[in-house]
Protein backbone atom coordinates (compact mmCIF):
# COMPACT_ATOMS: atom_id res chain seq x y z
CA MET A 1 -31.78 7.39 9.60
CA GLY A 2 -28.24 6.19 9.02
CA SER A 3 -24.93 8.03 9.02
CA HIS A 4 -23.49 6.49 5.83
CA PRO A 5 -24.70 6.70 2.20
CA ALA A 6 -25.94 3.58 0.44
CA VAL A 7 -23.03 1.55 -0.98
CA PRO A 8 -23.32 -0.72 -4.04
CA SER A 9 -21.41 -3.99 -4.14
CA CYS A 10 -18.33 -4.20 -6.35
CA ASP A 11 -20.23 -6.02 -9.09
CA GLY A 12 -23.10 -3.54 -8.84
CA ALA A 13 -25.71 -6.24 -8.23
CA LEU A 14 -26.47 -5.40 -4.57
CA ILE A 15 -26.94 -2.25 -2.50
CA ALA A 16 -26.17 -2.02 1.23
CA VAL A 17 -28.25 0.56 3.11
CA VAL A 18 -28.25 1.55 6.79
CA ASP A 19 -31.99 2.11 7.32
CA ARG A 20 -33.04 3.15 10.84
CA ALA A 21 -31.37 0.52 13.05
CA GLN A 22 -30.98 -2.10 10.32
CA LEU A 23 -28.54 -3.04 7.60
CA VAL A 24 -30.65 -3.79 4.52
CA ILE A 25 -29.26 -5.57 1.44
CA ARG A 26 -31.32 -4.86 -1.69
CA LEU A 27 -31.15 -6.25 -5.20
CA CYS A 28 -30.23 -3.61 -7.75
CA GLU A 29 -32.45 -5.11 -10.45
CA ASP A 30 -35.81 -4.53 -8.75
CA GLY A 31 -35.02 -3.00 -5.34
CA SER A 32 -36.34 -6.00 -3.41
CA VAL A 33 -34.85 -6.91 -0.03
CA LYS A 34 -32.42 -9.83 -0.17
CA GLN A 35 -31.34 -9.76 3.49
CA SER A 36 -31.75 -7.52 6.54
CA TYR A 37 -29.94 -7.42 9.89
CA ASP A 38 -30.63 -5.63 13.18
CA LEU A 39 -27.67 -3.44 14.11
CA PRO A 40 -26.43 -3.00 17.68
CA MET A 41 -28.14 -0.22 19.58
CA GLY A 42 -26.83 3.20 18.54
CA PHE A 43 -24.53 1.79 15.85
CA ALA A 44 -26.51 3.14 12.89
CA ALA A 45 -25.93 6.74 14.00
CA SER A 46 -22.18 6.27 14.55
CA CYS A 47 -21.32 4.13 11.50
CA ARG A 48 -18.42 5.69 9.55
CA PHE A 49 -17.30 2.89 7.22
CA MET A 50 -19.16 0.44 4.99
CA ARG A 51 -17.14 -1.87 2.73
CA TRP A 52 -17.93 -4.79 0.46
CA TYR A 53 -15.39 -7.55 0.00
CA ARG A 54 -13.77 -7.64 -3.42
CA GLU A 55 -11.92 -10.67 -4.70
CA LEU A 56 -8.21 -10.24 -5.41
CA GLU A 57 -7.54 -11.37 -8.98
CA THR A 58 -6.06 -10.08 -12.21
CA GLY A 59 -7.51 -7.05 -13.93
CA GLU A 60 -7.67 -3.91 -11.82
CA CYS A 61 -10.95 -2.36 -10.78
CA SER A 62 -11.49 1.31 -11.37
CA PRO A 63 -10.33 3.43 -8.44
CA GLY A 64 -13.14 4.96 -6.53
CA ARG A 65 -14.89 1.65 -6.40
CA ALA A 66 -12.35 0.38 -3.92
CA MET A 67 -9.98 1.84 -1.47
CA ASN A 68 -6.61 2.88 -2.98
CA GLY A 69 -7.26 0.99 -6.19
CA ASN A 70 -5.79 -2.09 -4.50
CA TRP A 71 -8.58 -4.48 -5.38
CA HIS A 72 -8.61 -6.49 -8.57
CA GLY A 73 -11.32 -8.45 -10.31
CA ALA A 74 -15.09 -8.12 -10.02
CA GLY A 75 -16.42 -11.28 -8.43
CA THR A 76 -19.69 -11.62 -6.53
CA SER A 77 -19.73 -9.84 -3.18
CA GLN A 78 -20.92 -11.92 -0.21
CA ARG A 79 -19.44 -10.07 2.78
CA VAL A 80 -19.96 -6.52 3.98
CA LEU A 81 -18.41 -4.81 7.01
CA LEU A 82 -19.46 -1.77 8.97
CA ALA A 83 -17.36 0.14 11.50
CA ASP A 84 -17.58 3.13 13.80
CA ASP A 85 -14.74 4.70 15.80
CA SER A 86 -13.78 1.48 17.60
CA ARG A 87 -16.04 -1.42 16.63
CA ILE A 88 -16.20 -3.54 13.47
CA ILE A 89 -19.06 -5.84 12.53
CA VAL A 90 -19.10 -8.23 9.56
CA TYR A 91 -22.10 -9.75 7.81
CA ASP A 92 -22.24 -12.64 5.36
CA ILE A 93 -25.31 -12.11 3.19
CA THR A 94 -25.75 -15.87 2.82
CA LYS A 95 -26.34 -16.14 6.58
CA PRO A 96 -29.23 -14.67 8.59
CA GLN A 97 -27.24 -13.48 11.62
CA LEU A 98 -24.23 -11.35 12.45
CA TYR A 99 -21.12 -13.14 11.17
CA ALA A 100 -18.34 -11.63 13.31
CA GLU A 101 -17.58 -8.64 15.48
CA VAL A 102 -14.37 -6.99 16.66
CA ASP A 103 -15.08 -4.80 19.67
CA GLY A 104 -12.42 -2.33 20.80
CA ALA A 105 -10.28 -2.64 17.67
CA THR A 106 -8.40 0.44 18.88
CA THR A 107 -7.92 1.68 22.41
CA LEU A 108 -6.44 5.18 22.58
CA THR A 109 -7.20 6.34 19.02
CA LYS A 110 -10.06 6.15 16.52
CA LEU A 111 -10.17 4.00 13.43
CA ALA A 112 -8.64 5.93 10.54
CA ASN A 113 -9.58 3.34 7.91
CA VAL A 114 -10.81 -0.23 7.73
CA ASP A 115 -11.33 -2.65 4.85
CA PHE A 116 -11.22 -6.30 3.91
CA GLY A 117 -7.78 -7.71 3.28
CA ARG A 118 -6.57 -10.44 0.96
CA THR A 119 -9.50 -12.76 1.78
CA PRO A 120 -13.01 -12.24 3.20
CA ASP A 121 -11.68 -13.62 6.51
CA GLU A 122 -9.04 -10.89 6.79
CA ILE A 123 -9.58 -7.29 7.88
CA VAL A 124 -7.01 -4.47 7.82
CA VAL A 125 -7.47 -1.74 10.43
CA PHE A 126 -5.56 1.56 10.45
CA SER A 127 -5.39 3.55 13.67
CA ASP A 128 -5.50 7.33 13.74
CA PHE A 129 -2.25 9.29 13.25
CA GLY A 130 -0.60 6.28 11.57
CA SER A 131 0.30 4.75 14.92
CA LYS A 132 -0.25 1.14 13.81
CA LEU A 133 -1.85 -1.28 11.37
CA GLN A 134 -3.73 -4.34 12.57
CA ILE A 135 -4.45 -7.34 10.35
CA TRP A 136 -7.28 -9.36 11.85
CA SER A 137 -7.98 -12.99 11.00
CA LEU A 138 -11.62 -14.01 11.40
CA GLY A 139 -10.50 -17.65 11.20
CA THR A 140 -7.99 -17.64 14.08
CA LYS A 141 -9.59 -14.75 16.02
CA ARG A 142 -6.16 -13.16 16.32
CA ALA A 143 -4.42 -10.09 14.94
CA ILE A 144 -0.92 -8.87 14.25
CA GLU A 145 0.21 -5.28 14.71
CA ILE A 146 2.64 -3.38 12.52
CA LYS A 147 3.88 -0.13 14.00
CA ASP A 148 4.99 3.15 12.40
CA VAL A 149 2.80 2.82 9.32
CA LYS A 150 2.74 5.97 7.19
CA SER A 151 -0.44 7.97 7.75
CA ILE A 152 -1.40 8.30 4.09
CA SER A 153 -4.31 6.66 2.30
CA ALA A 154 -2.13 4.97 -0.36
CA CYS A 155 0.39 3.44 2.06
CA TYR A 156 -0.32 -0.19 1.14
CA SER A 157 -1.13 -2.37 -1.85
CA TYR A 158 -1.94 -6.07 -2.32
CA ARG A 159 -0.21 -7.98 -5.07
CA PRO A 160 -2.67 -9.58 -7.53
CA LYS A 161 -2.84 -13.40 -7.56
CA SER A 162 -0.32 -14.05 -4.78
CA GLY A 163 -1.82 -11.65 -2.21
CA HIS A 164 1.49 -10.32 -0.82
CA LEU A 165 1.09 -7.05 1.05
CA ALA A 166 3.42 -4.12 0.27
CA LEU A 167 3.41 -1.55 3.08
CA LEU A 168 5.11 1.82 3.62
CA THR A 169 6.44 2.47 7.12
CA ARG A 170 8.70 5.11 8.65
CA PRO A 171 10.16 3.92 11.96
CA ALA A 172 12.98 6.50 11.88
CA ALA A 173 14.34 9.03 9.38
CA HIS A 174 13.88 6.86 6.27
CA ASP A 175 10.97 5.25 4.46
CA ILE A 176 10.88 1.46 4.78
CA LEU A 177 9.08 -0.83 2.34
CA MET A 178 7.84 -4.04 3.94
CA ILE A 179 6.56 -6.99 1.90
CA ILE A 180 4.48 -9.39 3.95
CA ALA A 181 3.53 -12.94 2.96
CA PRO A 182 -0.14 -13.97 2.87
CA GLN A 183 -1.55 -16.28 5.56
CA THR A 184 1.62 -16.48 7.68
CA HIS A 185 2.19 -12.69 7.62
CA GLU A 186 5.94 -13.23 7.73
CA GLN A 187 8.26 -10.60 6.29
CA VAL A 188 9.45 -11.50 2.83
CA ALA A 189 11.51 -8.36 2.33
CA THR A 190 12.44 -5.11 4.09
CA VAL A 191 13.82 -2.37 1.86
CA GLU A 192 15.08 1.08 2.79
CA LEU A 193 13.82 3.44 0.08
CA THR A 194 15.68 6.43 -1.33
CA THR A 195 12.57 8.60 -1.15
CA VAL A 196 12.42 11.82 0.86
CA ASP A 197 8.85 11.17 2.02
CA ALA A 198 6.97 8.55 -0.02
CA ARG A 199 3.33 9.48 -0.67
CA GLY A 200 1.97 6.28 -2.15
CA ILE A 201 2.57 2.75 -3.38
CA ARG A 202 0.77 0.58 -5.91
CA TYR A 203 1.30 -2.83 -7.52
CA SER A 204 0.80 -3.16 -11.26
CA PRO A 205 -2.25 -5.25 -12.24
CA ASP A 206 -0.01 -8.14 -13.38
CA GLY A 207 1.85 -8.04 -10.05
CA ASN A 208 5.30 -7.67 -11.63
CA TRP A 209 6.03 -4.08 -10.61
CA LEU A 210 5.71 -1.73 -7.66
CA ALA A 211 5.39 2.02 -8.16
CA VAL A 212 6.37 4.32 -5.27
CA TRP A 213 6.03 8.07 -5.73
CA ASP A 214 7.82 10.70 -3.68
CA THR A 215 6.57 13.87 -2.03
CA ALA A 216 6.08 16.93 -4.24
CA SER A 217 9.01 18.74 -2.61
CA ALA A 218 11.35 16.09 -4.06
CA GLY A 219 10.33 17.02 -7.61
CA CYS A 220 8.95 14.66 -10.24
CA ARG A 221 10.17 11.31 -8.93
CA VAL A 222 8.68 7.79 -9.15
CA LEU A 223 10.51 4.60 -8.13
CA PHE A 224 9.72 1.39 -10.03
CA LEU A 225 10.65 -1.75 -8.13
CA THR A 226 10.37 -5.45 -8.86
CA ALA A 227 7.68 -7.41 -7.07
CA ASP A 228 10.11 -8.40 -4.30
CA GLY A 229 11.27 -4.82 -3.66
CA HIS A 230 14.44 -4.42 -5.73
CA LEU A 231 14.85 -1.03 -7.40
CA PHE A 232 14.62 -1.32 -11.19
CA LYS A 233 14.38 2.29 -12.38
CA THR A 234 13.74 5.80 -11.09
CA TYR A 235 11.68 8.05 -13.33
CA SER A 236 12.57 11.68 -12.78
CA LEU A 237 13.12 14.92 -14.63
CA PRO A 238 16.54 16.59 -14.96
CA GLN A 239 17.39 18.94 -12.11
CA GLU A 240 17.44 21.92 -14.46
CA ASP A 241 13.76 21.24 -15.34
CA LEU A 242 11.87 22.75 -12.44
CA ASN A 243 8.75 20.78 -11.52
CA LEU A 244 6.18 21.01 -8.72
CA GLY A 245 6.24 17.26 -8.09
CA ILE A 246 3.97 14.23 -8.41
CA ALA A 247 0.25 14.54 -7.69
CA CYS A 248 -0.98 11.02 -8.56
CA VAL A 249 0.06 7.76 -10.22
CA GLN A 250 -2.33 5.33 -11.91
CA TRP A 251 -1.68 1.98 -13.61
CA SER A 252 -3.82 1.01 -16.58
CA PRO A 253 -6.05 -2.04 -15.86
CA THR A 254 -4.07 -4.12 -18.36
CA GLY A 255 -0.73 -3.05 -16.85
CA GLU A 256 0.59 -1.98 -20.27
CA CYS A 257 1.30 1.57 -19.10
CA VAL A 258 1.23 3.86 -16.09
CA ALA A 259 0.03 7.49 -15.98
CA VAL A 260 1.91 10.03 -13.87
CA GLY A 261 0.17 13.32 -13.12
CA ASP A 262 2.11 16.23 -11.68
CA HIS A 263 1.17 19.42 -9.84
CA GLU A 264 1.74 21.46 -12.98
CA GLY A 265 -1.25 19.86 -14.68
CA LYS A 266 0.79 17.59 -16.96
CA VAL A 267 0.16 13.86 -17.48
CA THR A 268 2.94 11.57 -18.71
CA ILE A 269 2.12 8.03 -19.84
CA LEU A 270 5.03 5.61 -19.32
CA VAL A 271 5.40 2.28 -21.12
CA LYS A 272 5.60 -0.88 -19.03
CA ASN A 273 9.00 -2.57 -18.50
CA THR A 274 11.08 0.34 -19.83
CA PHE A 275 9.08 3.11 -18.07
CA ARG A 276 9.95 5.59 -20.76
CA PRO A 277 7.49 8.33 -21.74
CA ARG A 278 5.10 7.35 -24.52
CA VAL A 279 3.09 10.54 -24.63
CA THR A 280 2.72 13.75 -22.61
CA ILE A 281 -0.65 15.46 -22.12
CA LEU A 282 -0.88 19.14 -21.24
CA HIS A 283 -3.93 20.78 -19.64
CA GLN A 284 -4.42 24.19 -21.19
CA SER A 285 -7.20 26.61 -20.33
CA THR A 286 -7.90 27.44 -24.01
CA ILE A 287 -9.12 24.37 -25.91
CA ASP A 288 -9.20 24.02 -29.68
CA SER A 289 -12.36 22.16 -30.71
CA SER A 290 -10.65 20.95 -33.89
CA ARG A 291 -8.63 18.59 -31.68
CA GLY A 292 -11.48 16.63 -30.15
CA THR A 293 -15.09 17.64 -29.53
CA VAL A 294 -15.67 20.19 -26.75
CA TRP A 295 -18.96 20.24 -24.86
CA GLN A 296 -20.06 23.06 -22.56
CA GLU A 297 -22.81 22.84 -19.95
CA GLU A 298 -25.59 25.40 -20.26
CA LEU A 299 -28.37 26.37 -17.85
CA GLY A 300 -31.81 27.06 -19.30
CA HIS A 301 -34.43 29.50 -18.03
CA SER A 302 -36.08 26.79 -15.91
CA ARG A 303 -32.70 25.66 -14.52
CA THR A 304 -32.58 22.76 -16.95
CA ARG A 305 -29.08 21.60 -17.86
CA SER A 306 -27.81 20.59 -21.27
CA TYR A 307 -24.60 20.35 -23.31
CA THR A 308 -23.82 22.49 -26.33
CA GLU A 309 -20.92 21.89 -28.70
CA ALA A 310 -18.22 24.55 -28.94
CA LYS A 311 -17.60 25.36 -32.59
CA GLN A 312 -14.10 26.83 -32.47
CA PHE A 313 -12.34 27.60 -29.19
CA ALA A 314 -13.49 27.20 -25.59
CA VAL A 315 -12.03 28.48 -22.34
CA SER A 316 -12.08 26.33 -19.21
CA PRO A 317 -12.90 28.28 -16.02
CA SER A 318 -9.88 28.46 -13.71
CA CYS A 319 -9.86 27.63 -10.02
CA GLU A 320 -10.16 31.37 -9.30
CA SER A 321 -13.73 31.17 -10.58
CA PHE A 322 -14.71 28.73 -7.81
CA PRO A 323 -14.09 29.87 -4.21
CA SER A 324 -14.37 26.27 -2.92
CA ALA A 325 -11.56 25.13 -5.26
CA LYS A 326 -9.02 27.83 -4.37
CA GLU A 327 -7.76 26.04 -1.26
CA LYS A 328 -7.12 22.72 -2.99
CA SER A 329 -3.74 21.60 -4.26
CA PRO A 330 -2.99 22.50 -7.88
CA GLY A 331 -2.18 20.05 -10.62
CA THR A 332 -3.69 16.85 -11.96
CA MET A 333 -5.59 15.22 -9.13
CA LEU A 334 -7.93 12.74 -10.88
CA LEU A 335 -6.71 10.13 -13.38
CA GLU A 336 -9.00 7.28 -14.42
CA PHE A 337 -8.38 4.55 -17.02
CA ASN A 338 -11.37 2.75 -18.49
CA ILE A 339 -11.78 -0.98 -18.00
CA ASP A 340 -9.63 -2.04 -21.00
CA GLY A 341 -7.01 0.70 -20.58
CA SER A 342 -7.64 2.32 -23.97
CA LEU A 343 -9.06 5.61 -22.63
CA LEU A 344 -7.86 8.00 -19.94
CA ALA A 345 -10.01 10.65 -18.22
CA CYS A 346 -8.28 13.53 -16.43
CA LYS A 347 -9.32 16.38 -14.16
CA CYS A 348 -6.83 19.11 -13.30
CA ASN A 349 -7.36 21.39 -10.31
CA TYR A 350 -6.18 24.39 -12.34
CA THR A 351 -9.41 23.96 -14.34
CA PRO A 352 -11.56 22.08 -11.79
CA SER A 353 -14.81 22.02 -13.79
CA THR A 354 -13.31 20.37 -16.88
CA VAL A 355 -12.93 16.67 -17.70
CA ARG A 356 -10.71 15.68 -20.62
CA ILE A 357 -10.84 12.25 -22.26
CA PHE A 358 -7.81 11.01 -24.24
CA SER A 359 -6.66 7.94 -26.10
CA ALA A 360 -4.18 6.25 -23.77
CA GLY A 361 -2.17 4.98 -26.73
CA SER A 362 -1.71 8.17 -28.74
CA GLY A 363 -2.72 10.94 -26.35
CA GLN A 364 -5.24 12.17 -28.93
CA PRO A 365 -8.08 14.12 -27.24
CA LEU A 366 -11.47 12.48 -27.82
CA GLY A 367 -13.70 14.78 -25.83
CA THR A 368 -13.71 17.66 -23.36
CA LEU A 369 -16.60 18.44 -21.01
CA ILE A 370 -16.78 21.86 -19.34
CA HIS A 371 -19.22 22.33 -16.45
CA HIS A 372 -20.61 25.12 -14.25
CA ALA A 373 -19.24 23.60 -11.03
CA PRO A 374 -16.04 21.77 -9.98
CA VAL A 375 -15.94 18.08 -10.79
CA ARG A 376 -16.20 15.91 -7.70
CA SER A 377 -15.70 12.42 -9.16
CA ILE A 378 -15.28 10.56 -12.46
CA GLN A 379 -15.94 6.83 -12.82
CA TRP A 380 -15.68 4.55 -15.82
CA HIS A 381 -18.26 1.80 -16.03
CA ASN A 382 -17.31 -1.64 -14.69
CA ASP A 383 -18.22 -3.49 -17.90
CA LEU A 384 -18.80 -0.91 -20.66
CA ALA A 385 -15.45 0.45 -21.82
CA ASP A 386 -16.67 3.72 -23.35
CA VAL A 387 -19.10 5.00 -20.68
CA ILE A 388 -18.05 7.43 -17.94
CA LEU A 389 -20.05 8.91 -15.04
CA ILE A 390 -19.22 12.45 -13.86
CA GLN A 391 -20.48 14.11 -10.70
CA CYS A 392 -20.08 17.83 -9.99
CA ALA A 393 -20.22 19.78 -6.75
CA ILE A 394 -23.81 20.98 -7.13
CA PRO A 395 -26.60 20.51 -4.56
CA GLY A 396 -29.04 18.86 -6.98
CA PRO A 397 -29.27 15.11 -7.78
CA THR A 398 -27.63 15.42 -11.21
CA VAL A 399 -25.05 13.28 -13.02
CA TYR A 400 -23.28 13.69 -16.36
CA VAL A 401 -22.65 10.73 -18.68
CA TRP A 402 -20.35 10.58 -21.72
CA ARG A 403 -20.21 7.73 -24.19
CA ALA A 404 -17.99 7.55 -27.25
CA SER A 405 -20.77 6.31 -29.55
CA TRP A 406 -23.26 9.05 -28.62
CA ASN A 407 -23.69 12.20 -30.68
CA SER A 408 -23.60 14.25 -27.43
CA PRO A 409 -23.17 13.62 -23.68
CA ARG A 410 -26.24 13.31 -21.46
CA ILE A 411 -27.29 15.01 -18.23
CA PHE A 412 -29.66 13.09 -15.94
CA SER A 413 -31.47 14.45 -12.88
CA LEU A 414 -33.29 12.21 -10.39
CA SER A 415 -36.25 12.96 -8.19
CA ILE A 416 -34.99 13.16 -4.62
CA LYS A 417 -36.95 14.96 -1.93
CA ALA A 418 -34.94 17.73 -0.26
CA PRO A 419 -31.47 16.38 -1.22
CA PHE A 420 -29.72 17.79 1.86
CA GLY A 421 -26.20 16.54 2.45
CA LYS A 422 -23.55 15.57 -0.07
CA LEU A 423 -24.76 13.08 -2.68
CA LYS A 424 -22.51 10.29 -3.92
CA ALA A 425 -22.83 8.74 -7.38
CA SER A 426 -21.82 5.17 -8.29
CA TRP A 427 -22.40 2.70 -11.09
CA LEU A 428 -24.67 -0.32 -10.67
CA SER A 429 -24.92 -3.46 -12.77
CA ALA A 430 -26.01 -3.20 -16.41
CA ASP A 431 -27.63 -5.47 -18.97
CA ARG A 432 -28.25 -5.16 -22.69
CA GLU A 433 -31.27 -2.93 -22.20
CA ARG A 434 -30.46 -0.83 -19.13
CA ILE A 435 -27.44 0.93 -17.64
CA ARG A 436 -27.98 1.86 -13.99
CA TYR A 437 -26.44 4.22 -11.45
CA ILE A 438 -27.22 5.28 -7.88
CA LEU A 439 -27.21 8.61 -6.06
CA SER A 440 -27.25 8.44 -2.27
CA ASN A 441 -26.63 10.35 0.94
CA THR A 442 -27.28 9.60 4.61
CA GLU A 443 -31.00 10.30 4.23
CA GLN A 444 -32.07 8.54 1.04
CA TYR A 445 -30.99 7.09 -2.27
CA ALA A 446 -32.35 6.99 -5.81
CA ILE A 447 -31.57 4.74 -8.79
CA GLY A 448 -31.41 6.03 -12.33
CA GLN A 449 -31.25 4.08 -15.57
CA PHE A 450 -30.93 4.73 -19.27
CA THR A 451 -30.69 2.74 -22.48
CA ALA A 452 -27.54 2.00 -24.44
CA ASP A 453 -28.51 4.91 -26.72
CA GLY A 454 -28.75 7.35 -23.82
CA GLU A 455 -32.54 7.51 -23.44
CA GLU A 456 -33.61 7.88 -19.81
CA ILE A 457 -35.83 5.14 -18.36
CA PRO A 458 -38.08 6.10 -15.41
CA TRP A 459 -37.33 4.09 -12.29
CA GLY A 460 -39.80 5.44 -9.75
CA SER A 461 -39.54 7.39 -6.54
CA SER A 462 -36.49 7.47 -4.30
CA GLU A 463 -36.13 5.38 -1.19
CA GLU A 464 -36.27 7.67 1.84
CA PHE A 465 -34.92 6.59 5.18
CA PRO A 466 -37.16 7.01 8.26
CA ASP A 467 -36.35 9.71 10.78
CA GLY A 468 -34.82 7.42 13.36
CA LEU A 469 -35.86 5.16 16.18
CA GLY A 470 -38.87 5.89 18.32
CA PRO A 471 -38.95 5.01 22.03
CA GLU A 472 -40.82 1.77 21.36
CA ASP A 473 -38.20 0.66 18.84
CA MET A 474 -35.49 0.49 21.50
CA PHE A 475 -37.05 -2.73 22.80
CA ASP A 476 -37.43 -4.48 19.47
CA GLU A 477 -35.61 -7.75 18.95
CA GLY A 478 -31.98 -7.02 18.17
CA HIS A 479 -31.83 -3.81 20.23
CA SER A 480 -31.89 -5.28 23.72
CA LEU A 481 -28.90 -4.66 25.97
CA ASP A 482 -26.48 -7.57 26.21
CA MET A 483 -24.44 -7.48 29.41
CA SER A 484 -22.10 -10.31 28.40
CA PRO A 485 -18.63 -8.95 27.51
CA VAL A 486 -17.89 -11.82 25.12
CA LYS A 487 -20.44 -13.29 22.69
CA ILE A 488 -19.63 -16.85 21.59
CA PRO A 489 -21.96 -19.04 19.50
CA ASP A 490 -22.87 -22.55 20.61
CA ASP A 491 -20.76 -24.15 17.89
CA GLY A 492 -17.67 -22.15 18.88
CA GLY A 493 -17.21 -20.27 15.62
CA ILE A 494 -16.19 -21.34 12.15
CA ALA A 495 -12.54 -22.15 12.80
CA ASN A 496 -10.20 -23.34 15.49
CA ASP A 497 -8.16 -21.01 17.68
CA THR A 498 -4.78 -22.23 16.51
CA PRO A 499 -2.67 -19.15 15.71
CA ALA A 500 -1.21 -18.80 12.27
CA PRO A 501 2.51 -19.56 12.07
CA GLY A 502 4.98 -16.75 11.90
CA LEU A 503 3.30 -14.39 14.39
CA SER A 504 6.55 -13.53 16.09
CA THR A 505 7.78 -10.13 17.23
CA GLN A 506 10.10 -8.73 14.57
CA LEU A 507 10.59 -5.20 13.21
CA GLY A 508 7.42 -3.72 14.63
CA PHE A 509 5.37 -6.94 14.52
CA THR A 510 3.49 -7.75 17.70
CA SER A 511 1.47 -10.90 18.22
CA VAL A 512 -1.89 -10.05 19.76
CA VAL A 513 -4.29 -12.42 21.53
CA GLU A 514 -7.63 -10.63 21.25
CA ASP A 515 -10.07 -11.01 24.14
CA THR A 516 -12.73 -8.77 22.61
CA PHE A 517 -13.39 -10.83 19.51
CA HIS A 518 -17.03 -11.84 19.08
CA PHE A 519 -18.16 -14.48 16.64
CA ARG A 520 -21.55 -15.34 15.24
CA ARG A 521 -22.46 -17.96 12.70
């Protein structure tokens, strides 16, 4: 039994599963095992992070498939990392053994987040409480530290193509934007921002613009900067227009526009370069079906779920109808562009069970889906521009799929034995005949598939993880106790130990010689 749900690769072709004391890489197409690795003793139960490497290119991936929406381009995934509170291990699926290990990545605090950086040989590690950021190089076996990083999930963003890192820090009373060069990790620019308390940063997919949004207490305020950190324009509302502030900001994958959602449930789409409003979308509880089709979920006598079309008006349940949603922040909290930027899906916490789909160009509503439970996630397909996957906060293994060409949305339920624990839904790869998705938790996973017309295709039974290691398994190969503090392969690793230039101490940078770096080939 693992402690992390199964995770599909960014291109949806592979699935990484922690099964008993092994990392198993399976092919999505037929479920066969491509590669398997024995994990260190006890690591499977403590694993908190599992990430695939995603190539940094043009064309932004859909958020939710990568941390912070920083990753661009699909590419074929070859590296996967796993991490617990203090240790990071990296596997290359083209090699039969452990590729690299960082033991003791943090000392006094736990890992708050970890992911691949600009290249598959770079790992970014965030310590708890925002105390520091480490950027590890698997080539030089060294790391740099950046102190006083803001303890927010969207505090950094990589620039497409060039790979420059934009980072939000707060060493004193003001927010500082740092732009760091790739490879050398030298500071290109240091800018003091005019924000009260910046809550996020994101490069545009073309790499020409940086968006920085302020805390909600500062009102509706987004700073647009050039790629090197110079302020170009501040989008804000007049002081006489009271506003509850910014909830989220999302660039379209083409970079032609940017959507700004506020805590009042309003979405404003700004045009690139001028950053003037193109269209404003309001989330109202009463929906007129004459302005876009409205679908409502219904429960049958045998607990079967289906959609029915609302003929005139429909009312979206408010957050007061769901006790679990009352404590969450109000306003627009989920904004997702499809792969070509023509469609925008929104979920507002005032009406947490409703997903609205609009034309990003005109703001015309194309469809509204009202459910019996709050919406947990929405994901556009990686390759199909008009297909969206919706998951609600219900205990059963059920997903909701909308496609523009269908006469009605579909609801699919998979066969999972005793689906205890929170299930997570993700897209997998698709071909002309089959569109696939996966539902997984820490105990098991199941794959569903349907045709381009929305007809469900049986896949088979779910894959259930065993109940853990027995006493005899502790002495299997790969689980023996290694007393050596440093593990070094016979060939000495894949690169020399020459440190990268520019690792000098400046503005919170600290050069670190790591004596707990383990390398396997």
